[in-house]
PDB file of all heavy atoms in Angstrom:
ATOM      1  N   GLY A   1       5.480  -9.705  12.870  1.00  0.00           N
ATOM      2  CA  GLY A   1       4.460 -10.390  12.099  1.00  0.00           C
ATOM      3  C   GLY A   1       5.005 -10.933  10.792  1.00  0.00           C
ATOM      4  O   GLY A   1       6.197 -10.848  10.516  1.00  0.00           O
ATOM      5  N   GLU A   2       4.124 -11.460   9.992  1.00  0.00           N
ATOM      6  CA  GLU A   2       4.502 -12.028   8.697  1.00  0.00           C
ATOM      7  C   GLU A   2       4.372 -11.010   7.569  1.00  0.00           C
ATOM      8  O   GLU A   2       5.109 -11.048   6.597  1.00  0.00           O
ATOM      9  CB  GLU A   2       3.603 -13.226   8.404  1.00  0.00           C
ATOM     10  CG  GLU A   2       3.946 -13.959   7.135  1.00  0.00           C
ATOM     11  CD  GLU A   2       3.078 -15.179   6.915  1.00  0.00           C
ATOM     12  OE1 GLU A   2       2.274 -15.533   7.794  1.00  0.00           O
ATOM     13  OE2 GLU A   2       3.212 -15.786   5.838  1.00  0.00           O
ATOM     14  N   TYR A   3       3.418 -10.085   7.710  1.00  0.00           N
ATOM     15  CA  TYR A   3       3.133  -9.107   6.664  1.00  0.00           C
ATOM     16  C   TYR A   3       3.265  -7.684   7.193  1.00  0.00           C
ATOM     17  O   TYR A   3       3.033  -7.433   8.372  1.00  0.00           O
ATOM     18  CB  TYR A   3       1.707  -9.285   6.133  1.00  0.00           C
ATOM     19  CG  TYR A   3       1.438 -10.644   5.574  1.00  0.00           C
ATOM     20  CD1 TYR A   3       0.709 -11.579   6.277  1.00  0.00           C
ATOM     21  CD2 TYR A   3       1.921 -10.995   4.315  1.00  0.00           C
ATOM     22  CE1 TYR A   3       0.452 -12.831   5.768  1.00  0.00           C
ATOM     23  CE2 TYR A   3       1.677 -12.250   3.790  1.00  0.00           C
ATOM     24  CZ  TYR A   3       0.943 -13.166   4.519  1.00  0.00           C
ATOM     25  OH  TYR A   3       0.709 -14.403   3.997  1.00  0.00           O
ATOM     26  N   LYS A   4       3.613  -6.761   6.318  1.00  0.00           N
ATOM     27  CA  LYS A   4       3.621  -5.334   6.642  1.00  0.00           C
ATOM     28  C   LYS A   4       2.345  -4.705   6.112  1.00  0.00           C
ATOM     29  O   LYS A   4       1.668  -5.256   5.258  1.00  0.00           O
ATOM     30  CB  LYS A   4       4.824  -4.636   6.011  1.00  0.00           C
ATOM     31  CG  LYS A   4       6.147  -4.997   6.640  1.00  0.00           C
ATOM     32  CD  LYS A   4       6.217  -4.543   8.070  1.00  0.00           C
ATOM     33  CE  LYS A   4       7.214  -3.430   8.222  1.00  0.00           C
ATOM     34  NZ  LYS A   4       7.347  -2.924   9.557  1.00  0.00           N
ATOM     35  N   VAL A   5       2.019  -3.524   6.623  1.00  0.00           N
ATOM     36  CA  VAL A   5       0.826  -2.799   6.209  1.00  0.00           C
ATOM     37  C   VAL A   5       1.159  -1.866   5.058  1.00  0.00           C
ATOM     38  O   VAL A   5       2.226  -1.238   5.042  1.00  0.00           O
ATOM     39  CB  VAL A   5       0.260  -1.973   7.386  1.00  0.00           C
ATOM     40  CG1 VAL A   5      -0.876  -1.073   6.930  1.00  0.00           C
ATOM     41  CG2 VAL A   5      -0.204  -2.887   8.505  1.00  0.00           C
ATOM     42  N   ILE A   6       0.265  -1.806   4.094  1.00  0.00           N
ATOM     43  CA  ILE A   6       0.300  -0.741   3.098  1.00  0.00           C
ATOM     44  C   ILE A   6      -1.017   0.011   3.220  1.00  0.00           C
ATOM     45  O   ILE A   6      -2.047  -0.563   3.551  1.00  0.00           O
ATOM     46  CB  ILE A   6       0.548  -1.246   1.660  1.00  0.00           C
ATOM     47  CG1 ILE A   6      -0.501  -2.280   1.240  1.00  0.00           C
ATOM     48  CG2 ILE A   6       1.955  -1.793   1.514  1.00  0.00           C
ATOM     49  CD1 ILE A   6      -0.360  -2.729  -0.212  1.00  0.00           C
ATOM     50  N   ARG A   7      -0.960   1.314   3.008  1.00  0.00           N
ATOM     51  CA  ARG A   7      -2.154   2.163   3.167  1.00  0.00           C
ATOM     52  C   ARG A   7      -2.412   2.955   1.904  1.00  0.00           C
ATOM     53  O   ARG A   7      -1.491   3.265   1.156  1.00  0.00           O
ATOM     54  CB  ARG A   7      -1.971   3.130   4.331  1.00  0.00           C
ATOM     55  CG  ARG A   7      -1.926   2.454   5.676  1.00  0.00           C
ATOM     56  CD  ARG A   7      -1.865   3.494   6.782  1.00  0.00           C
ATOM     57  NE  ARG A   7      -1.826   2.890   8.079  1.00  0.00           N
ATOM     58  CZ  ARG A   7      -2.886   2.675   8.850  1.00  0.00           C
ATOM     59  NH1 ARG A   7      -4.077   3.022   8.438  1.00  0.00           N
ATOM     60  NH2 ARG A   7      -2.764   2.109  10.019  1.00  0.00           N
ATOM     61  N   GLY A   8      -3.672   3.301   1.714  1.00  0.00           N
ATOM     62  CA  GLY A   8      -4.070   4.116   0.577  1.00  0.00           C
ATOM     63  C   GLY A   8      -4.625   3.272  -0.549  1.00  0.00           C
ATOM     64  O   GLY A   8      -5.279   2.260  -0.335  1.00  0.00           O
ATOM     65  N   SER A   9      -4.357   3.700  -1.752  1.00  0.00           N
ATOM     66  CA  SER A   9      -4.754   2.966  -2.951  1.00  0.00           C
ATOM     67  C   SER A   9      -3.865   3.440  -4.088  1.00  0.00           C
ATOM     68  O   SER A   9      -3.018   4.296  -3.900  1.00  0.00           O
ATOM     69  CB  SER A   9      -6.234   3.193  -3.269  1.00  0.00           C
ATOM     70  OG  SER A   9      -6.497   4.560  -3.456  1.00  0.00           O
ATOM     71  N   SER A  10      -4.050   2.883  -5.256  1.00  0.00           N
ATOM     72  CA  SER A  10      -3.195   3.252  -6.383  1.00  0.00           C
ATOM     73  C   SER A  10      -3.994   3.247  -7.673  1.00  0.00           C
ATOM     74  O   SER A  10      -5.179   2.905  -7.697  1.00  0.00           O
ATOM     75  CB  SER A  10      -2.022   2.281  -6.498  1.00  0.00           C
ATOM     76  OG  SER A  10      -2.417   1.073  -7.119  1.00  0.00           O
ATOM     77  N   TRP A  11      -3.324   3.566  -8.737  1.00  0.00           N
ATOM     78  CA  TRP A  11      -3.937   3.548 -10.064  1.00  0.00           C
ATOM     79  C   TRP A  11      -4.380   2.146 -10.459  1.00  0.00           C
ATOM     80  O   TRP A  11      -5.157   1.984 -11.393  1.00  0.00           O
ATOM     81  CB  TRP A  11      -2.974   4.133 -11.082  1.00  0.00           C
ATOM     82  CG  TRP A  11      -1.648   3.444 -11.117  1.00  0.00           C
ATOM     83  CD1 TRP A  11      -0.563   3.706 -10.336  1.00  0.00           C
ATOM     84  CD2 TRP A  11      -1.273   2.368 -11.971  1.00  0.00           C
ATOM     85  NE1 TRP A  11       0.464   2.857 -10.629  1.00  0.00           N
ATOM     86  CE2 TRP A  11       0.057   2.015 -11.652  1.00  0.00           C
ATOM     87  CE3 TRP A  11      -1.923   1.656 -12.967  1.00  0.00           C
ATOM     88  CZ2 TRP A  11       0.733   0.999 -12.289  1.00  0.00           C
ATOM     89  CZ3 TRP A  11      -1.234   0.635 -13.604  1.00  0.00           C
ATOM     90  CH2 TRP A  11       0.076   0.323 -13.268  1.00  0.00           C
ATOM     91  N   LEU A  12      -3.936   1.133  -9.724  1.00  0.00           N
ATOM     92  CA  LEU A  12      -4.351  -0.240 -10.005  1.00  0.00           C
ATOM     93  C   LEU A  12      -5.743  -0.565  -9.454  1.00  0.00           C
ATOM     94  O   LEU A  12      -6.339  -1.554  -9.840  1.00  0.00           O
ATOM     95  CB  LEU A  12      -3.335  -1.225  -9.411  1.00  0.00           C
ATOM     96  CG  LEU A  12      -1.929  -1.171 -10.005  1.00  0.00           C
ATOM     97  CD1 LEU A  12      -0.987  -2.056  -9.211  1.00  0.00           C
ATOM     98  CD2 LEU A  12      -1.948  -1.568 -11.466  1.00  0.00           C
ATOM     99  N   ASN A  13      -6.252   0.262  -8.531  1.00  0.00           N
ATOM    100  CA  ASN A  13      -7.576   0.034  -7.947  1.00  0.00           C
ATOM    101  C   ASN A  13      -8.678   0.460  -8.907  1.00  0.00           C
ATOM    102  O   ASN A  13      -8.488   1.348  -9.718  1.00  0.00           O
ATOM    103  CB  ASN A  13      -7.732   0.838  -6.650  1.00  0.00           C
ATOM    104  CG  ASN A  13      -6.881   0.296  -5.537  1.00  0.00           C
ATOM    105  OD1 ASN A  13      -5.747   0.735  -5.378  1.00  0.00           O
ATOM    106  ND2 ASN A  13      -7.399  -0.628  -4.779  1.00  0.00           N
ATOM    107  N   ASP A  14      -9.835  -0.178  -8.741  1.00  0.00           N
ATOM    108  CA  ASP A  14     -10.992   0.279  -9.517  1.00  0.00           C
ATOM    109  C   ASP A  14     -11.717   1.377  -8.743  1.00  0.00           C
ATOM    110  O   ASP A  14     -11.370   1.687  -7.609  1.00  0.00           O
ATOM    111  CB  ASP A  14     -11.926  -0.878  -9.876  1.00  0.00           C
ATOM    112  CG  ASP A  14     -12.572  -1.539  -8.674  1.00  0.00           C
ATOM    113  OD1 ASP A  14     -12.703  -0.883  -7.620  1.00  0.00           O
ATOM    114  OD2 ASP A  14     -12.970  -2.705  -8.793  1.00  0.00           O
ATOM    115  N   GLU A  15     -12.741   1.966  -9.338  1.00  0.00           N
ATOM    116  CA  GLU A  15     -13.413   3.124  -8.739  1.00  0.00           C
ATOM    117  C   GLU A  15     -14.089   2.804  -7.399  1.00  0.00           C
ATOM    118  O   GLU A  15     -14.336   3.693  -6.598  1.00  0.00           O
ATOM    119  CB  GLU A  15     -14.437   3.730  -9.707  1.00  0.00           C
ATOM    120  CG  GLU A  15     -15.603   2.829 -10.044  1.00  0.00           C
ATOM    121  CD  GLU A  15     -15.338   1.865 -11.188  1.00  0.00           C
ATOM    122  OE1 GLU A  15     -14.213   1.840 -11.734  1.00  0.00           O
ATOM    123  OE2 GLU A  15     -16.258   1.113 -11.542  1.00  0.00           O
ATOM    124  N   ARG A  16     -14.349   1.546  -7.113  1.00  0.00           N
ATOM    125  CA  ARG A  16     -14.984   1.178  -5.843  1.00  0.00           C
ATOM    126  C   ARG A  16     -13.993   1.111  -4.692  1.00  0.00           C
ATOM    127  O   ARG A  16     -14.378   1.160  -3.533  1.00  0.00           O
ATOM    128  CB  ARG A  16     -15.710  -0.165  -5.965  1.00  0.00           C
ATOM    129  CG  ARG A  16     -16.885  -0.132  -6.926  1.00  0.00           C
ATOM    130  CD  ARG A  16     -17.438  -1.523  -7.182  1.00  0.00           C
ATOM    131  NE  ARG A  16     -16.427  -2.255  -7.958  1.00  0.00           N
ATOM    132  CZ  ARG A  16     -16.118  -3.538  -7.821  1.00  0.00           C
ATOM    133  NH1 ARG A  16     -16.753  -4.270  -6.936  1.00  0.00           N
ATOM    134  NH2 ARG A  16     -15.204  -4.111  -8.560  1.00  0.00           N
ATOM    135  N   THR A  17     -12.718   0.976  -4.997  1.00  0.00           N
ATOM    136  CA  THR A  17     -11.726   0.779  -3.938  1.00  0.00           C
ATOM    137  C   THR A  17     -10.665   1.870  -3.866  1.00  0.00           C
ATOM    138  O   THR A  17      -9.690   1.715  -3.153  1.00  0.00           O
ATOM    139  CB  THR A  17     -11.042  -0.590  -4.096  1.00  0.00           C
ATOM    140  OG1 THR A  17     -10.418  -0.653  -5.383  1.00  0.00           O
ATOM    141  CG2 THR A  17     -12.036  -1.721  -3.942  1.00  0.00           C
ATOM    142  N   ILE A  18     -10.835   2.960  -4.590  1.00  0.00           N
ATOM    143  CA  ILE A  18      -9.889   4.077  -4.484  1.00  0.00           C
ATOM    144  C   ILE A  18     -10.254   4.874  -3.233  1.00  0.00           C
ATOM    145  O   ILE A  18     -11.236   5.600  -3.217  1.00  0.00           O
ATOM    146  CB  ILE A  18      -9.924   4.977  -5.729  1.00  0.00           C
ATOM    147  CG1 ILE A  18      -9.430   4.192  -6.934  1.00  0.00           C
ATOM    148  CG2 ILE A  18      -9.089   6.225  -5.513  1.00  0.00           C
ATOM    149  CD1 ILE A  18      -9.482   4.958  -8.224  1.00  0.00           C
ATOM    150  N   ARG A  19      -9.485   4.655  -2.172  1.00  0.00           N
ATOM    151  CA  ARG A  19      -9.737   5.326  -0.895  1.00  0.00           C
ATOM    152  C   ARG A  19      -8.415   5.569  -0.188  1.00  0.00           C
ATOM    153  O   ARG A  19      -7.553   4.701  -0.155  1.00  0.00           O
ATOM    154  CB  ARG A  19     -10.608   4.445   0.019  1.00  0.00           C
ATOM    155  CG  ARG A  19     -11.978   4.156  -0.496  1.00  0.00           C
ATOM    156  CD  ARG A  19     -12.705   3.044   0.254  1.00  0.00           C
ATOM    157  NE  ARG A  19     -12.168   2.700   1.545  1.00  0.00           N
ATOM    158  CZ  ARG A  19     -12.801   2.901   2.710  1.00  0.00           C
ATOM    159  NH1 ARG A  19     -13.979   3.453   2.734  1.00  0.00           N
ATOM    160  NH2 ARG A  19     -12.267   2.529   3.835  1.00  0.00           N
ATOM    161  N   SER A  20      -8.263   6.726   0.415  1.00  0.00           N
ATOM    162  CA  SER A  20      -7.031   7.022   1.142  1.00  0.00           C
ATOM    163  C   SER A  20      -6.952   6.276   2.469  1.00  0.00           C
ATOM    164  O   SER A  20      -5.879   6.166   3.053  1.00  0.00           O
ATOM    165  CB  SER A  20      -6.903   8.522   1.384  1.00  0.00           C
ATOM    166  OG  SER A  20      -7.978   8.980   2.165  1.00  0.00           O
ATOM    167  N   VAL A  21      -8.058   5.741   2.965  1.00  0.00           N
ATOM    168  CA  VAL A  21      -8.069   5.070   4.269  1.00  0.00           C
ATOM    169  C   VAL A  21      -7.890   3.558   4.175  1.00  0.00           C
ATOM    170  O   VAL A  21      -7.940   2.872   5.198  1.00  0.00           O
ATOM    171  CB  VAL A  21      -9.364   5.391   5.054  1.00  0.00           C
ATOM    172  CG1 VAL A  21      -9.462   6.871   5.343  1.00  0.00           C
ATOM    173  CG2 VAL A  21     -10.582   4.908   4.315  1.00  0.00           C
ATOM    174  N   ASN A  22      -7.671   3.009   2.990  1.00  0.00           N
ATOM    175  CA  ASN A  22      -7.444   1.566   2.870  1.00  0.00           C
ATOM    176  C   ASN A  22      -6.248   1.161   3.722  1.00  0.00           C
ATOM    177  O   ASN A  22      -5.241   1.870   3.795  1.00  0.00           O
ATOM    178  CB  ASN A  22      -7.164   1.180   1.419  1.00  0.00           C
ATOM    179  CG  ASN A  22      -8.399   1.198   0.571  1.00  0.00           C
ATOM    180  OD1 ASN A  22      -9.508   1.118   1.054  1.00  0.00           O
ATOM    181  ND2 ASN A  22      -8.195   1.311  -0.727  1.00  0.00           N
ATOM    182  N   ARG A  23      -6.346  -0.001   4.343  1.00  0.00           N
ATOM    183  CA  ARG A  23      -5.259  -0.568   5.135  1.00  0.00           C
ATOM    184  C   ARG A  23      -5.263  -2.058   4.865  1.00  0.00           C
ATOM    185  O   ARG A  23      -6.172  -2.769   5.261  1.00  0.00           O
ATOM    186  CB  ARG A  23      -5.488  -0.307   6.621  1.00  0.00           C
ATOM    187  CG  ARG A  23      -4.420  -0.882   7.521  1.00  0.00           C
ATOM    188  CD  ARG A  23      -4.767  -0.586   8.981  1.00  0.00           C
ATOM    189  NE  ARG A  23      -3.831  -1.239   9.860  1.00  0.00           N
ATOM    190  CZ  ARG A  23      -3.903  -2.502  10.258  1.00  0.00           C
ATOM    191  NH1 ARG A  23      -4.899  -3.265   9.851  1.00  0.00           N
ATOM    192  NH2 ARG A  23      -3.013  -3.013  11.056  1.00  0.00           N
ATOM    193  N   VAL A  24      -4.247  -2.547   4.159  1.00  0.00           N
ATOM    194  CA  VAL A  24      -4.177  -3.954   3.785  1.00  0.00           C
ATOM    195  C   VAL A  24      -2.775  -4.487   4.056  1.00  0.00           C
ATOM    196  O   VAL A  24      -1.846  -3.727   4.313  1.00  0.00           O
ATOM    197  CB  VAL A  24      -4.570  -4.181   2.299  1.00  0.00           C
ATOM    198  CG1 VAL A  24      -6.020  -3.791   2.062  1.00  0.00           C
ATOM    199  CG2 VAL A  24      -3.677  -3.393   1.369  1.00  0.00           C
ATOM    200  N   PHE A  25      -2.608  -5.797   3.982  1.00  0.00           N
ATOM    201  CA  PHE A  25      -1.291  -6.396   4.223  1.00  0.00           C
ATOM    202  C   PHE A  25      -0.587  -6.714   2.908  1.00  0.00           C
ATOM    203  O   PHE A  25      -1.214  -6.858   1.862  1.00  0.00           O
ATOM    204  CB  PHE A  25      -1.397  -7.638   5.099  1.00  0.00           C
ATOM    205  CG  PHE A  25      -2.164  -8.778   4.485  1.00  0.00           C
ATOM    206  CD1 PHE A  25      -1.506  -9.719   3.729  1.00  0.00           C
ATOM    207  CD2 PHE A  25      -3.527  -8.900   4.676  1.00  0.00           C
ATOM    208  CE1 PHE A  25      -2.201 -10.781   3.164  1.00  0.00           C
ATOM    209  CE2 PHE A  25      -4.235  -9.953   4.125  1.00  0.00           C
ATOM    210  CZ  PHE A  25      -3.566 -10.889   3.372  1.00  0.00           C
ATOM    211  N   TYR A  26       0.734  -6.830   2.987  1.00  0.00           N
ATOM    212  CA  TYR A  26       1.541  -7.139   1.822  1.00  0.00           C
ATOM    213  C   TYR A  26       2.789  -7.864   2.278  1.00  0.00           C
ATOM    214  O   TYR A  26       3.342  -7.563   3.343  1.00  0.00           O
ATOM    215  CB  TYR A  26       1.912  -5.850   1.091  1.00  0.00           C
ATOM    216  CG  TYR A  26       2.304  -6.070  -0.350  1.00  0.00           C
ATOM    217  CD1 TYR A  26       1.340  -6.221  -1.335  1.00  0.00           C
ATOM    218  CD2 TYR A  26       3.641  -6.128  -0.726  1.00  0.00           C
ATOM    219  CE1 TYR A  26       1.683  -6.426  -2.656  1.00  0.00           C
ATOM    220  CE2 TYR A  26       3.993  -6.335  -2.051  1.00  0.00           C
ATOM    221  CZ  TYR A  26       3.010  -6.477  -3.000  1.00  0.00           C
ATOM    222  OH  TYR A  26       3.357  -6.679  -4.312  1.00  0.00           O
ATOM    223  N   GLU A  27       3.254  -8.813   1.486  1.00  0.00           N
ATOM    224  CA  GLU A  27       4.456  -9.576   1.842  1.00  0.00           C
ATOM    225  C   GLU A  27       5.681  -8.670   1.891  1.00  0.00           C
ATOM    226  O   GLU A  27       5.858  -7.807   1.039  1.00  0.00           O
ATOM    227  CB  GLU A  27       4.690 -10.691   0.826  1.00  0.00           C
ATOM    228  CG  GLU A  27       3.626 -11.756   0.865  1.00  0.00           C
ATOM    229  CD  GLU A  27       3.933 -12.900  -0.072  1.00  0.00           C
ATOM    230  OE1 GLU A  27       5.117 -13.181  -0.322  1.00  0.00           O
ATOM    231  OE2 GLU A  27       2.977 -13.519  -0.550  1.00  0.00           O
ATOM    232  N   THR A  28       6.519  -8.879   2.871  1.00  0.00           N
ATOM    233  CA  THR A  28       7.706  -8.043   3.037  1.00  0.00           C
ATOM    234  C   THR A  28       8.820  -8.413   2.071  1.00  0.00           C
ATOM    235  O   THR A  28       9.725  -7.636   1.852  1.00  0.00           O
ATOM    236  CB  THR A  28       8.247  -8.136   4.475  1.00  0.00           C
ATOM    237  OG1 THR A  28       8.564  -9.502   4.754  1.00  0.00           O
ATOM    238  CG2 THR A  28       7.251  -7.613   5.462  1.00  0.00           C
ATOM    239  N   SER A  29       8.768  -9.590   1.475  1.00  0.00           N
ATOM    240  CA  SER A  29       9.846 -10.028   0.592  1.00  0.00           C
ATOM    241  C   SER A  29       9.733  -9.460  -0.815  1.00  0.00           C
ATOM    242  O   SER A  29      10.665  -9.548  -1.593  1.00  0.00           O
ATOM    243  CB  SER A  29       9.872 -11.558   0.517  1.00  0.00           C
ATOM    244  OG  SER A  29       8.643 -12.026  -0.027  1.00  0.00           O
ATOM    245  N   GLY A  30       8.598  -8.867  -1.136  1.00  0.00           N
ATOM    246  CA  GLY A  30       8.389  -8.329  -2.483  1.00  0.00           C
ATOM    247  C   GLY A  30       9.086  -6.998  -2.700  1.00  0.00           C
ATOM    248  O   GLY A  30       9.580  -6.363  -1.771  1.00  0.00           O
ATOM    249  N   THR A  31       9.137  -6.572  -3.935  1.00  0.00           N
ATOM    250  CA  THR A  31       9.769  -5.297  -4.270  1.00  0.00           C
ATOM    251  C   THR A  31       8.765  -4.158  -4.275  1.00  0.00           C
ATOM    252  O   THR A  31       9.130  -3.020  -4.469  1.00  0.00           O
ATOM    253  CB  THR A  31      10.424  -5.365  -5.662  1.00  0.00           C
ATOM    254  OG1 THR A  31       9.405  -5.684  -6.623  1.00  0.00           O
ATOM    255  CG2 THR A  31      11.517  -6.395  -5.694  1.00  0.00           C
ATOM    256  N   GLY A  32       7.515  -4.456  -4.091  1.00  0.00           N
ATOM    257  CA  GLY A  32       6.508  -3.413  -4.031  1.00  0.00           C
ATOM    258  C   GLY A  32       5.599  -3.391  -5.239  1.00  0.00           C
ATOM    259  O   GLY A  32       4.453  -3.013  -5.135  1.00  0.00           O
ATOM    260  N   GLY A  33       6.072  -3.779  -6.385  1.00  0.00           N
ATOM    261  CA  GLY A  33       5.232  -3.794  -7.562  1.00  0.00           C
ATOM    262  C   GLY A  33       4.963  -2.400  -8.109  1.00  0.00           C
ATOM    263  O   GLY A  33       5.486  -1.405  -7.642  1.00  0.00           O
ATOM    264  N   GLY A  34       4.090  -2.325  -9.100  1.00  0.00           N
ATOM    265  CA  GLY A  34       3.836  -1.076  -9.791  1.00  0.00           C
ATOM    266  C   GLY A  34       2.971  -0.094  -9.056  1.00  0.00           C
ATOM    267  O   GLY A  34       2.938   1.065  -9.391  1.00  0.00           O
ATOM    268  N   GLY A  35       2.262  -0.516  -8.019  1.00  0.00           N
ATOM    269  CA  GLY A  35       1.354   0.395  -7.347  1.00  0.00           C
ATOM    270  C   GLY A  35       1.719   0.683  -5.909  1.00  0.00           C
ATOM    271  O   GLY A  35       0.911   1.183  -5.154  1.00  0.00           O
ATOM    272  N   ILE A  36       2.966   0.363  -5.479  1.00  0.00           N
ATOM    273  CA  ILE A  36       3.369   0.553  -4.091  1.00  0.00           C
ATOM    274  C   ILE A  36       4.625   1.402  -4.028  1.00  0.00           C
ATOM    275  O   ILE A  36       5.567   1.198  -4.773  1.00  0.00           O
ATOM    276  CB  ILE A  36       3.602  -0.793  -3.376  1.00  0.00           C
ATOM    277  CG1 ILE A  36       2.324  -1.626  -3.428  1.00  0.00           C
ATOM    278  CG2 ILE A  36       4.047  -0.579  -1.943  1.00  0.00           C
ATOM    279  CD1 ILE A  36       2.486  -3.015  -2.871  1.00  0.00           C
ATOM    280  N   SER A  37       4.631   2.355  -3.115  1.00  0.00           N
ATOM    281  CA  SER A  37       5.763   3.256  -2.938  1.00  0.00           C
ATOM    282  C   SER A  37       5.960   3.488  -1.442  1.00  0.00           C
ATOM    283  O   SER A  37       5.506   2.702  -0.631  1.00  0.00           O
ATOM    284  CB  SER A  37       5.481   4.575  -3.668  1.00  0.00           C
ATOM    285  OG  SER A  37       6.603   5.406  -3.625  1.00  0.00           O
ATOM    286  N   PHE A  38       6.615   4.556  -1.066  1.00  0.00           N
ATOM    287  CA  PHE A  38       6.766   4.917   0.339  1.00  0.00           C
ATOM    288  C   PHE A  38       6.844   6.426   0.440  1.00  0.00           C
ATOM    289  O   PHE A  38       7.054   7.115  -0.554  1.00  0.00           O
ATOM    290  CB  PHE A  38       7.999   4.261   0.981  1.00  0.00           C
ATOM    291  CG  PHE A  38       9.294   4.734   0.394  1.00  0.00           C
ATOM    292  CD1 PHE A  38       9.975   5.797   0.950  1.00  0.00           C
ATOM    293  CD2 PHE A  38       9.828   4.115  -0.723  1.00  0.00           C
ATOM    294  CE1 PHE A  38      11.165   6.238   0.404  1.00  0.00           C
ATOM    295  CE2 PHE A  38      11.014   4.544  -1.279  1.00  0.00           C
ATOM    296  CZ  PHE A  38      11.693   5.607  -0.707  1.00  0.00           C
ATOM    297  N   ARG A  39       6.630   6.933   1.623  1.00  0.00           N
ATOM    298  CA  ARG A  39       6.712   8.365   1.866  1.00  0.00           C
ATOM    299  C   ARG A  39       7.674   8.592   3.015  1.00  0.00           C
ATOM    300  O   ARG A  39       7.561   7.959   4.057  1.00  0.00           O
ATOM    301  CB  ARG A  39       5.340   8.926   2.238  1.00  0.00           C
ATOM    302  CG  ARG A  39       5.369  10.408   2.558  1.00  0.00           C
ATOM    303  CD  ARG A  39       4.008  10.911   2.936  1.00  0.00           C
ATOM    304  NE  ARG A  39       3.107  10.757   1.802  1.00  0.00           N
ATOM    305  CZ  ARG A  39       1.834  11.105   1.823  1.00  0.00           C
ATOM    306  NH1 ARG A  39       1.309  11.605   2.912  1.00  0.00           N
ATOM    307  NH2 ARG A  39       1.086  10.944   0.766  1.00  0.00           N
ATOM    308  N   CYS A  40       8.626   9.486   2.832  1.00  0.00           N
ATOM    309  CA  CYS A  40       9.542   9.845   3.915  1.00  0.00           C
ATOM    310  C   CYS A  40       8.812  10.781   4.876  1.00  0.00           C
ATOM    311  O   CYS A  40       8.111  11.697   4.443  1.00  0.00           O
ATOM    312  CB  CYS A  40      10.780  10.537   3.372  1.00  0.00           C
ATOM    313  SG  CYS A  40      11.767   9.475   2.308  1.00  0.00           S
ATOM    314  N   ALA A  41       8.954  10.534   6.147  1.00  0.00           N
ATOM    315  CA  ALA A  41       8.291  11.372   7.149  1.00  0.00           C
ATOM    316  C   ALA A  41       9.185  11.486   8.369  1.00  0.00           C
ATOM    317  O   ALA A  41      10.035  10.637   8.617  1.00  0.00           O
ATOM    318  CB  ALA A  41       6.956  10.760   7.545  1.00  0.00           C
ATOM    319  N   MET A  42       8.986  12.539   9.122  1.00  0.00           N
ATOM    320  CA  MET A  42       9.756  12.759  10.338  1.00  0.00           C
ATOM    321  C   MET A  42       8.792  12.824  11.505  1.00  0.00           C
ATOM    322  O   MET A  42       7.720  13.436  11.405  1.00  0.00           O
ATOM    323  CB  MET A  42      10.531  14.070  10.234  1.00  0.00           C
ATOM    324  CG  MET A  42      11.381  14.342  11.443  1.00  0.00           C
ATOM    325  SD  MET A  42      12.346  15.859  11.275  1.00  0.00           S
ATOM    326  CE  MET A  42      11.105  17.077  11.662  1.00  0.00           C
ATOM    327  N   ASN A  43       9.153  12.222  12.600  1.00  0.00           N
ATOM    328  CA  ASN A  43       8.370  12.287  13.803  1.00  0.00           C
ATOM    329  C   ASN A  43       8.433  13.707  14.347  1.00  0.00           C
ATOM    330  O   ASN A  43       9.508  14.246  14.589  1.00  0.00           O
ATOM    331  CB  ASN A  43       8.909  11.291  14.827  1.00  0.00           C
ATOM    332  CG  ASN A  43       8.100  11.240  16.086  1.00  0.00           C
ATOM    333  OD1 ASN A  43       7.352  12.149  16.408  1.00  0.00           O
ATOM    334  ND2 ASN A  43       8.278  10.162  16.834  1.00  0.00           N
TER     335      ASN A  43
END
């Protein structure tokens, strides 16, 4: 696809959109910005 998924929310969200179940798209060419990170996980 053109975009990757980011999930959750961050300190950049307002009180109406702070939810752990958020699922939105984000450009893959970006560095992530101030409110995006990653979590290491093992299958």
